[in-house]
Amino acid sequence: LRDRCKSAALPNLMFSTLKVYILYLGTTKVCLPLFSTDIKSFTRSPAVGENFTYWCKYNQTLSNCTKFICKGEDPSICKPLVSTRDPNRNKRFWMNDNKEKKNITMTVREVTVDDSGTYWCGAESTNEHQSNRFFNRLSLTCSPAGPDGCRHD
């Protein structure tokens, strides 16, 4: 997306909340942002060493799309971790797409401090002129458990 739409009017953080349509006016390329308000943001704080499960709900129009989970502040360049096309790609991150309930389940096995960060649940666009759809943003802060086995945030 960023390669196709270089513009000072579209700063990095705005890419997380929009879809972009590319129009050509003669030889001039114009990127039109369509802002999305359907991205849900959540914050969770699992303890290091535990397994963490999270659900991302999506709307019916995305049922037949390939869903994915990626990590990074900017979803346009986030690191892909796992997708419904290749659910066994990553041994620590697992996902399942429940099309009846319209949600994907993400499980992180044996959480580490390095797992802290921003995660995105999204669906791949089949249209080369439209960006991927992101429907959930998860901010994960992983903290070590205290000597009593409990987390003390």
N, C-alpha and C. Protein backbone atom coordinates (compact mmCIF):
# COMPACT_ATOMS: atom_id res chain seq x y z
N LEU A 1 0.84 -1.20 0.00
CA LEU A 1 0.00 0.00 0.00
C LEU A 1 0.88 1.25 0.00
N ARG A 2 1.86 1.29 0.87
CA ARG A 2 2.68 2.49 0.97
C ARG A 2 3.40 2.74 -0.36
N ASP A 3 3.84 1.65 -1.05
CA ASP A 3 4.50 1.83 -2.34
C ASP A 3 3.54 2.39 -3.38
N ARG A 4 2.30 2.01 -3.30
CA ARG A 4 1.32 2.46 -4.28
C ARG A 4 0.75 3.83 -3.96
N CYS A 5 0.83 4.26 -2.69
CA CYS A 5 0.22 5.53 -2.28
C CYS A 5 1.20 6.35 -1.45
N LYS A 6 2.15 6.97 -2.07
CA LYS A 6 3.07 7.84 -1.35
C LYS A 6 2.47 9.23 -1.32
N SER A 7 2.17 9.70 -0.12
CA SER A 7 1.54 11.00 -0.01
C SER A 7 1.73 11.55 1.38
N ALA A 8 2.05 12.82 1.48
CA ALA A 8 2.19 13.46 2.79
C ALA A 8 0.85 13.53 3.49
N ALA A 9 -0.23 13.40 2.75
CA ALA A 9 -1.56 13.47 3.35
C ALA A 9 -1.95 12.18 4.05
N LEU A 10 -1.13 11.12 3.92
CA LEU A 10 -1.44 9.84 4.53
C LEU A 10 -0.30 9.41 5.46
N PRO A 11 -0.23 9.98 6.67
CA PRO A 11 0.86 9.60 7.58
C PRO A 11 0.72 8.15 8.02
N ASN A 12 1.83 7.58 8.55
CA ASN A 12 1.89 6.17 8.93
C ASN A 12 0.69 5.69 9.73
N LEU A 13 0.34 6.37 10.81
CA LEU A 13 -0.70 5.87 11.69
C LEU A 13 -2.07 5.84 11.03
N MET A 14 -2.27 6.66 10.02
CA MET A 14 -3.58 6.67 9.37
C MET A 14 -3.82 5.39 8.57
N PHE A 15 -2.76 4.69 8.16
CA PHE A 15 -2.94 3.48 7.38
C PHE A 15 -3.67 2.41 8.18
N SER A 16 -3.62 2.47 9.51
CA SER A 16 -4.27 1.46 10.33
C SER A 16 -5.78 1.59 10.33
N THR A 17 -6.30 2.73 9.92
CA THR A 17 -7.73 2.94 10.03
C THR A 17 -8.39 3.27 8.70
N LEU A 18 -7.76 2.91 7.59
CA LEU A 18 -8.39 3.26 6.34
C LEU A 18 -8.20 2.22 5.26
N LYS A 19 -9.06 2.32 4.29
CA LYS A 19 -8.92 1.60 3.05
C LYS A 19 -8.59 2.67 2.02
N VAL A 20 -7.83 2.31 1.03
CA VAL A 20 -7.44 3.29 0.03
C VAL A 20 -7.84 2.78 -1.35
N TYR A 21 -8.47 3.65 -2.12
CA TYR A 21 -8.77 3.35 -3.51
C TYR A 21 -7.87 4.22 -4.36
N ILE A 22 -7.30 3.64 -5.40
CA ILE A 22 -6.39 4.36 -6.27
C ILE A 22 -7.12 4.71 -7.57
N LEU A 23 -7.11 5.98 -7.89
CA LEU A 23 -7.73 6.46 -9.13
C LEU A 23 -6.65 7.09 -9.99
N TYR A 24 -6.80 7.00 -11.28
CA TYR A 24 -5.89 7.65 -12.20
C TYR A 24 -6.64 8.75 -12.94
N LEU A 25 -6.16 9.98 -12.82
CA LEU A 25 -6.71 11.12 -13.53
C LEU A 25 -5.69 11.52 -14.56
N GLY A 26 -5.87 11.02 -15.76
CA GLY A 26 -4.83 11.19 -16.78
C GLY A 26 -3.62 10.39 -16.38
N THR A 27 -2.49 11.05 -16.18
CA THR A 27 -1.28 10.36 -15.75
C THR A 27 -1.01 10.55 -14.26
N THR A 28 -1.94 11.20 -13.56
CA THR A 28 -1.76 11.46 -12.13
C THR A 28 -2.48 10.40 -11.31
N LYS A 29 -1.73 9.79 -10.37
CA LYS A 29 -2.30 8.80 -9.48
C LYS A 29 -2.84 9.52 -8.23
N VAL A 30 -4.08 9.23 -7.86
CA VAL A 30 -4.70 9.83 -6.68
C VAL A 30 -5.14 8.71 -5.75
N CYS A 31 -4.71 8.80 -4.49
CA CYS A 31 -5.11 7.81 -3.49
C CYS A 31 -6.21 8.42 -2.63
N LEU A 32 -7.36 7.81 -2.65
CA LEU A 32 -8.49 8.32 -1.88
C LEU A 32 -8.69 7.47 -0.64
N PRO A 33 -8.49 8.06 0.55
CA PRO A 33 -8.71 7.28 1.77
C PRO A 33 -10.19 7.18 2.10
N LEU A 34 -10.60 6.00 2.49
CA LEU A 34 -11.96 5.79 3.01
C LEU A 34 -11.80 5.33 4.44
N PHE A 35 -12.09 6.20 5.37
CA PHE A 35 -11.85 5.92 6.76
C PHE A 35 -12.79 4.85 7.29
N SER A 36 -12.23 3.97 8.11
CA SER A 36 -12.98 2.86 8.68
C SER A 36 -13.12 3.09 10.18
N THR A 37 -14.31 2.90 10.68
CA THR A 37 -14.53 3.03 12.13
C THR A 37 -14.79 1.67 12.75
N ASP A 38 -14.62 0.60 11.97
CA ASP A 38 -14.96 -0.72 12.49
C ASP A 38 -13.77 -1.48 13.07
N ILE A 39 -12.63 -0.82 13.30
CA ILE A 39 -11.50 -1.47 13.96
C ILE A 39 -11.70 -1.38 15.46
N LYS A 40 -11.74 -2.53 16.11
CA LYS A 40 -11.89 -2.59 17.57
C LYS A 40 -10.50 -2.71 18.19
N SER A 41 -10.24 -1.92 19.22
CA SER A 41 -8.95 -1.95 19.91
C SER A 41 -9.11 -2.52 21.31
N PHE A 42 -8.17 -3.38 21.69
CA PHE A 42 -8.18 -4.02 23.00
C PHE A 42 -6.78 -4.02 23.58
N THR A 43 -6.69 -4.06 24.91
CA THR A 43 -5.42 -4.16 25.61
C THR A 43 -5.50 -5.35 26.55
N ARG A 44 -4.48 -6.19 26.52
CA ARG A 44 -4.42 -7.36 27.40
C ARG A 44 -3.02 -7.45 27.99
N SER A 45 -2.92 -8.09 29.18
CA SER A 45 -1.63 -8.21 29.88
C SER A 45 -1.45 -9.62 30.44
N PRO A 46 -1.10 -10.58 29.60
CA PRO A 46 -0.87 -11.93 30.11
C PRO A 46 0.47 -12.02 30.83
N ALA A 47 0.61 -13.01 31.71
CA ALA A 47 1.87 -13.24 32.42
C ALA A 47 2.80 -14.07 31.56
N VAL A 48 4.08 -13.80 31.68
CA VAL A 48 5.10 -14.56 30.96
C VAL A 48 4.96 -16.03 31.35
N GLY A 49 5.05 -16.89 30.34
CA GLY A 49 5.00 -18.34 30.58
C GLY A 49 3.63 -18.96 30.37
N GLU A 50 2.58 -18.15 30.45
CA GLU A 50 1.25 -18.72 30.25
C GLU A 50 0.86 -18.71 28.79
N ASN A 51 -0.13 -19.52 28.44
CA ASN A 51 -0.71 -19.48 27.09
C ASN A 51 -1.78 -18.40 27.09
N PHE A 52 -1.85 -17.65 26.00
CA PHE A 52 -2.78 -16.53 25.90
C PHE A 52 -3.66 -16.73 24.67
N THR A 53 -4.98 -16.63 24.87
CA THR A 53 -5.93 -16.79 23.77
C THR A 53 -6.75 -15.52 23.62
N TYR A 54 -6.98 -15.15 22.37
CA TYR A 54 -7.70 -13.92 22.05
C TYR A 54 -8.60 -14.17 20.84
N TRP A 55 -9.78 -13.55 20.82
CA TRP A 55 -10.73 -13.71 19.71
C TRP A 55 -10.86 -12.39 18.96
N CYS A 56 -10.87 -12.48 17.65
CA CYS A 56 -11.08 -11.31 16.79
C CYS A 56 -12.36 -11.53 16.00
N LYS A 57 -13.34 -10.69 16.21
CA LYS A 57 -14.63 -10.79 15.51
C LYS A 57 -14.56 -10.03 14.20
N TYR A 58 -15.16 -10.59 13.14
CA TYR A 58 -15.19 -9.91 11.85
C TYR A 58 -16.60 -9.92 11.29
N ASN A 59 -16.86 -9.09 10.29
CA ASN A 59 -18.21 -9.04 9.73
C ASN A 59 -18.36 -10.05 8.59
N GLN A 60 -19.58 -10.33 8.24
CA GLN A 60 -19.94 -11.37 7.28
C GLN A 60 -19.24 -11.20 5.93
N THR A 61 -18.99 -9.98 5.50
CA THR A 61 -18.38 -9.76 4.19
C THR A 61 -16.97 -10.33 4.09
N LEU A 62 -16.34 -10.62 5.22
CA LEU A 62 -14.97 -11.15 5.23
C LEU A 62 -14.91 -12.66 5.41
N SER A 63 -16.06 -13.32 5.47
CA SER A 63 -16.10 -14.76 5.77
C SER A 63 -15.25 -15.61 4.84
N ASN A 64 -15.23 -15.29 3.56
CA ASN A 64 -14.50 -16.13 2.61
C ASN A 64 -13.09 -15.65 2.32
N CYS A 65 -12.66 -14.60 3.00
CA CYS A 65 -11.31 -14.07 2.80
C CYS A 65 -10.31 -14.86 3.65
N THR A 66 -9.04 -14.82 3.24
CA THR A 66 -7.97 -15.37 4.07
C THR A 66 -7.72 -14.39 5.21
N LYS A 67 -7.81 -14.89 6.44
CA LYS A 67 -7.56 -14.05 7.62
C LYS A 67 -6.11 -14.24 8.05
N PHE A 68 -5.55 -13.22 8.73
CA PHE A 68 -4.17 -13.30 9.19
C PHE A 68 -4.00 -12.50 10.47
N ILE A 69 -2.89 -12.77 11.15
CA ILE A 69 -2.48 -12.01 12.33
C ILE A 69 -1.06 -11.55 12.07
N CYS A 70 -0.82 -10.27 12.33
CA CYS A 70 0.52 -9.72 12.15
C CYS A 70 0.87 -8.86 13.36
N LYS A 71 2.16 -8.56 13.52
CA LYS A 71 2.64 -7.77 14.66
C LYS A 71 3.40 -6.55 14.16
N GLY A 72 3.10 -5.39 14.78
CA GLY A 72 3.79 -4.15 14.46
C GLY A 72 2.86 -2.97 14.63
N GLU A 73 3.41 -1.81 14.93
CA GLU A 73 2.60 -0.60 15.14
C GLU A 73 1.84 -0.19 13.89
N ASP A 74 2.48 -0.32 12.74
CA ASP A 74 1.89 0.12 11.48
C ASP A 74 1.39 -1.11 10.72
N PRO A 75 0.09 -1.29 10.57
CA PRO A 75 -0.41 -2.50 9.93
C PRO A 75 -0.01 -2.66 8.46
N SER A 76 0.34 -1.55 7.81
CA SER A 76 0.72 -1.66 6.40
C SER A 76 2.08 -2.35 6.22
N ILE A 77 2.86 -2.43 7.30
CA ILE A 77 4.17 -3.08 7.22
C ILE A 77 4.37 -4.06 8.39
N CYS A 78 3.29 -4.51 9.03
CA CYS A 78 3.44 -5.41 10.17
C CYS A 78 3.94 -6.79 9.72
N LYS A 79 4.59 -7.49 10.65
CA LYS A 79 5.20 -8.79 10.36
C LYS A 79 4.14 -9.89 10.44
N PRO A 80 3.88 -10.59 9.33
CA PRO A 80 2.89 -11.68 9.36
C PRO A 80 3.35 -12.81 10.28
N LEU A 81 2.43 -13.29 11.11
CA LEU A 81 2.76 -14.38 12.04
C LEU A 81 2.09 -15.69 11.63
N VAL A 82 0.82 -15.60 11.26
CA VAL A 82 0.06 -16.80 10.93
C VAL A 82 -1.17 -16.39 10.12
N SER A 83 -1.66 -17.29 9.28
CA SER A 83 -2.86 -17.00 8.50
C SER A 83 -3.69 -18.26 8.34
N THR A 84 -4.93 -18.08 7.92
CA THR A 84 -5.78 -19.25 7.70
C THR A 84 -5.30 -20.05 6.49
N ARG A 85 -4.52 -19.45 5.61
CA ARG A 85 -3.95 -20.16 4.47
C ARG A 85 -2.83 -21.10 4.93
N ASP A 86 -2.10 -20.71 5.99
CA ASP A 86 -0.97 -21.49 6.48
C ASP A 86 -0.97 -21.46 8.01
N PRO A 87 -1.95 -22.14 8.65
CA PRO A 87 -2.11 -22.04 10.11
C PRO A 87 -0.96 -22.65 10.91
N ASN A 88 -0.12 -23.48 10.30
CA ASN A 88 0.99 -24.11 11.02
C ASN A 88 2.33 -23.44 10.75
N ARG A 89 2.30 -22.24 10.19
CA ARG A 89 3.52 -21.51 9.82
C ARG A 89 4.40 -21.20 11.03
N ASN A 90 3.78 -20.91 12.15
CA ASN A 90 4.49 -20.48 13.35
C ASN A 90 4.13 -21.44 14.49
N LYS A 91 5.11 -22.01 15.14
CA LYS A 91 4.86 -23.01 16.19
C LYS A 91 4.30 -22.40 17.48
N ARG A 92 4.56 -21.12 17.73
CA ARG A 92 4.07 -20.49 18.96
C ARG A 92 2.74 -19.78 18.79
N PHE A 93 2.44 -19.36 17.57
CA PHE A 93 1.19 -18.65 17.30
C PHE A 93 0.27 -19.58 16.51
N TRP A 94 -0.93 -19.75 17.00
CA TRP A 94 -1.89 -20.64 16.37
C TRP A 94 -3.16 -19.84 16.12
N MET A 95 -3.85 -20.14 15.03
CA MET A 95 -5.13 -19.46 14.80
C MET A 95 -6.13 -20.43 14.19
N ASN A 96 -7.40 -20.11 14.40
CA ASN A 96 -8.50 -20.89 13.85
C ASN A 96 -9.59 -19.91 13.43
N ASP A 97 -10.20 -20.18 12.28
CA ASP A 97 -11.28 -19.33 11.76
C ASP A 97 -12.60 -20.06 11.96
N ASN A 98 -13.46 -19.51 12.82
CA ASN A 98 -14.79 -20.07 13.04
C ASN A 98 -15.77 -19.24 12.21
N LYS A 99 -16.10 -19.73 11.03
CA LYS A 99 -16.95 -18.96 10.12
C LYS A 99 -18.39 -18.85 10.61
N GLU A 100 -18.85 -19.80 11.42
CA GLU A 100 -20.21 -19.70 11.98
C GLU A 100 -20.31 -18.53 12.95
N LYS A 101 -19.32 -18.41 13.83
CA LYS A 101 -19.33 -17.33 14.82
C LYS A 101 -18.70 -16.05 14.27
N LYS A 102 -18.10 -16.13 13.08
CA LYS A 102 -17.43 -14.99 12.45
C LYS A 102 -16.33 -14.41 13.35
N ASN A 103 -15.45 -15.31 13.82
CA ASN A 103 -14.30 -14.83 14.58
C ASN A 103 -13.11 -15.75 14.34
N ILE A 104 -11.93 -15.19 14.54
CA ILE A 104 -10.73 -16.00 14.52
C ILE A 104 -10.18 -16.03 15.94
N THR A 105 -9.64 -17.17 16.30
CA THR A 105 -9.04 -17.35 17.61
C THR A 105 -7.53 -17.39 17.44
N MET A 106 -6.84 -16.60 18.23
CA MET A 106 -5.39 -16.58 18.22
C MET A 106 -4.90 -17.06 19.58
N THR A 107 -3.98 -18.01 19.57
CA THR A 107 -3.36 -18.46 20.81
C THR A 107 -1.86 -18.29 20.70
N VAL A 108 -1.27 -17.68 21.72
CA VAL A 108 0.18 -17.54 21.82
C VAL A 108 0.62 -18.52 22.90
N ARG A 109 1.48 -19.45 22.53
CA ARG A 109 1.96 -20.46 23.49
C ARG A 109 3.16 -19.91 24.27
N GLU A 110 3.15 -20.10 25.58
CA GLU A 110 4.24 -19.72 26.47
C GLU A 110 4.74 -18.29 26.18
N VAL A 111 3.89 -17.34 26.53
CA VAL A 111 4.15 -15.92 26.30
C VAL A 111 5.50 -15.50 26.89
N THR A 112 6.23 -14.66 26.14
CA THR A 112 7.49 -14.08 26.62
C THR A 112 7.34 -12.56 26.64
N VAL A 113 8.27 -11.88 27.29
CA VAL A 113 8.27 -10.42 27.33
C VAL A 113 8.36 -9.87 25.90
N ASP A 114 9.09 -10.56 25.02
CA ASP A 114 9.24 -10.12 23.63
C ASP A 114 7.93 -10.16 22.85
N ASP A 115 6.93 -10.84 23.37
CA ASP A 115 5.63 -10.88 22.70
C ASP A 115 4.84 -9.59 22.91
N SER A 116 5.29 -8.73 23.80
CA SER A 116 4.63 -7.44 23.99
C SER A 116 4.66 -6.67 22.68
N GLY A 117 3.58 -5.94 22.40
CA GLY A 117 3.51 -5.14 21.19
C GLY A 117 2.11 -5.06 20.64
N THR A 118 1.99 -4.59 19.42
CA THR A 118 0.70 -4.40 18.77
C THR A 118 0.47 -5.50 17.75
N TYR A 119 -0.69 -6.13 17.84
CA TYR A 119 -1.08 -7.19 16.92
C TYR A 119 -2.32 -6.75 16.16
N TRP A 120 -2.42 -7.19 14.91
CA TRP A 120 -3.55 -6.86 14.05
C TRP A 120 -4.20 -8.14 13.54
N CYS A 121 -5.51 -8.20 13.61
CA CYS A 121 -6.27 -9.25 12.93
C CYS A 121 -6.79 -8.61 11.65
N GLY A 122 -6.58 -9.29 10.54
CA GLY A 122 -6.99 -8.71 9.28
C GLY A 122 -7.43 -9.76 8.28
N ALA A 123 -7.89 -9.28 7.14
CA ALA A 123 -8.31 -10.14 6.04
C ALA A 123 -7.64 -9.64 4.77
N GLU A 124 -7.11 -10.57 3.99
CA GLU A 124 -6.42 -10.19 2.77
C GLU A 124 -7.41 -9.69 1.73
N SER A 125 -7.03 -8.61 1.08
CA SER A 125 -7.85 -8.07 0.00
C SER A 125 -7.56 -8.87 -1.26
N THR A 126 -8.60 -9.15 -2.03
CA THR A 126 -8.42 -9.82 -3.31
C THR A 126 -8.33 -8.79 -4.44
N ASN A 127 -8.48 -7.51 -4.09
CA ASN A 127 -8.42 -6.43 -5.05
C ASN A 127 -7.08 -5.72 -4.92
N GLU A 128 -6.26 -5.75 -5.97
CA GLU A 128 -4.92 -5.16 -5.89
C GLU A 128 -4.95 -3.65 -5.68
N HIS A 129 -6.09 -3.02 -5.88
CA HIS A 129 -6.20 -1.57 -5.71
C HIS A 129 -6.78 -1.20 -4.34
N GLN A 130 -6.95 -2.19 -3.48
CA GLN A 130 -7.51 -1.94 -2.16
C GLN A 130 -6.61 -2.59 -1.12
N SER A 131 -6.39 -1.91 -0.01
CA SER A 131 -5.54 -2.45 1.05
C SER A 131 -6.25 -3.58 1.78
N ASN A 132 -5.47 -4.34 2.56
CA ASN A 132 -6.06 -5.37 3.41
C ASN A 132 -7.00 -4.71 4.41
N ARG A 133 -8.01 -5.46 4.86
CA ARG A 133 -8.94 -4.96 5.87
C ARG A 133 -8.44 -5.39 7.24
N PHE A 134 -8.37 -4.46 8.17
CA PHE A 134 -8.00 -4.76 9.55
C PHE A 134 -9.23 -4.55 10.41
N PHE A 135 -9.54 -5.53 11.26
CA PHE A 135 -10.76 -5.42 12.06
C PHE A 135 -10.51 -5.46 13.56
N ASN A 136 -9.33 -5.81 14.03
CA ASN A 136 -9.00 -5.77 15.45
C ASN A 136 -7.55 -5.34 15.63
N ARG A 137 -7.33 -4.54 16.67
CA ARG A 137 -5.99 -4.12 17.08
C ARG A 137 -5.84 -4.52 18.54
N LEU A 138 -4.81 -5.32 18.83
CA LEU A 138 -4.57 -5.80 20.18
C LEU A 138 -3.24 -5.26 20.67
N SER A 139 -3.27 -4.58 21.80
CA SER A 139 -2.04 -4.10 22.44
C SER A 139 -1.73 -5.07 23.58
N LEU A 140 -0.61 -5.77 23.45
CA LEU A 140 -0.26 -6.82 24.41
C LEU A 140 0.94 -6.36 25.23
N THR A 141 0.81 -6.40 26.55
CA THR A 141 1.90 -6.09 27.46
C THR A 141 2.13 -7.31 28.33
N CYS A 142 3.22 -8.00 28.10
CA CYS A 142 3.51 -9.24 28.83
C CYS A 142 4.46 -8.93 29.98
N SER A 143 4.07 -9.36 31.17
CA SER A 143 4.89 -9.06 32.35
C SER A 143 5.20 -10.35 33.10
N PRO A 144 6.39 -10.39 33.71
CA PRO A 144 6.75 -11.59 34.46
C PRO A 144 5.90 -11.75 35.71
N ALA A 145 5.68 -13.00 36.10
CA ALA A 145 4.94 -13.29 37.33
C ALA A 145 5.87 -13.06 38.52
N GLY A 146 5.30 -12.67 39.65
CA GLY A 146 6.08 -12.48 40.87
C GLY A 146 6.47 -13.82 41.48
N PRO A 147 7.22 -13.80 42.61
CA PRO A 147 7.68 -15.04 43.23
C PRO A 147 6.52 -15.91 43.72
N ASP A 148 5.36 -15.31 43.96
CA ASP A 148 4.20 -16.09 44.41
C ASP A 148 3.41 -16.66 43.24
N GLY A 149 3.92 -16.45 41.99
CA GLY A 149 3.24 -16.98 40.81
C GLY A 149 2.19 -16.04 40.26
N CYS A 150 1.98 -14.90 40.93
CA CYS A 150 0.97 -13.94 40.49
C CYS A 150 1.66 -12.75 39.82
N ARG A 151 0.94 -12.11 38.96
CA ARG A 151 1.43 -10.90 38.30
C ARG A 151 1.15 -9.71 39.19
N HIS A 152 2.07 -8.77 39.28
CA HIS A 152 1.88 -7.59 40.12
C HIS A 152 2.14 -6.37 39.24
N ASP A 153 1.10 -5.93 38.49
CA ASP A 153 1.24 -4.78 37.59
C ASP A 153 1.06 -3.48 38.34
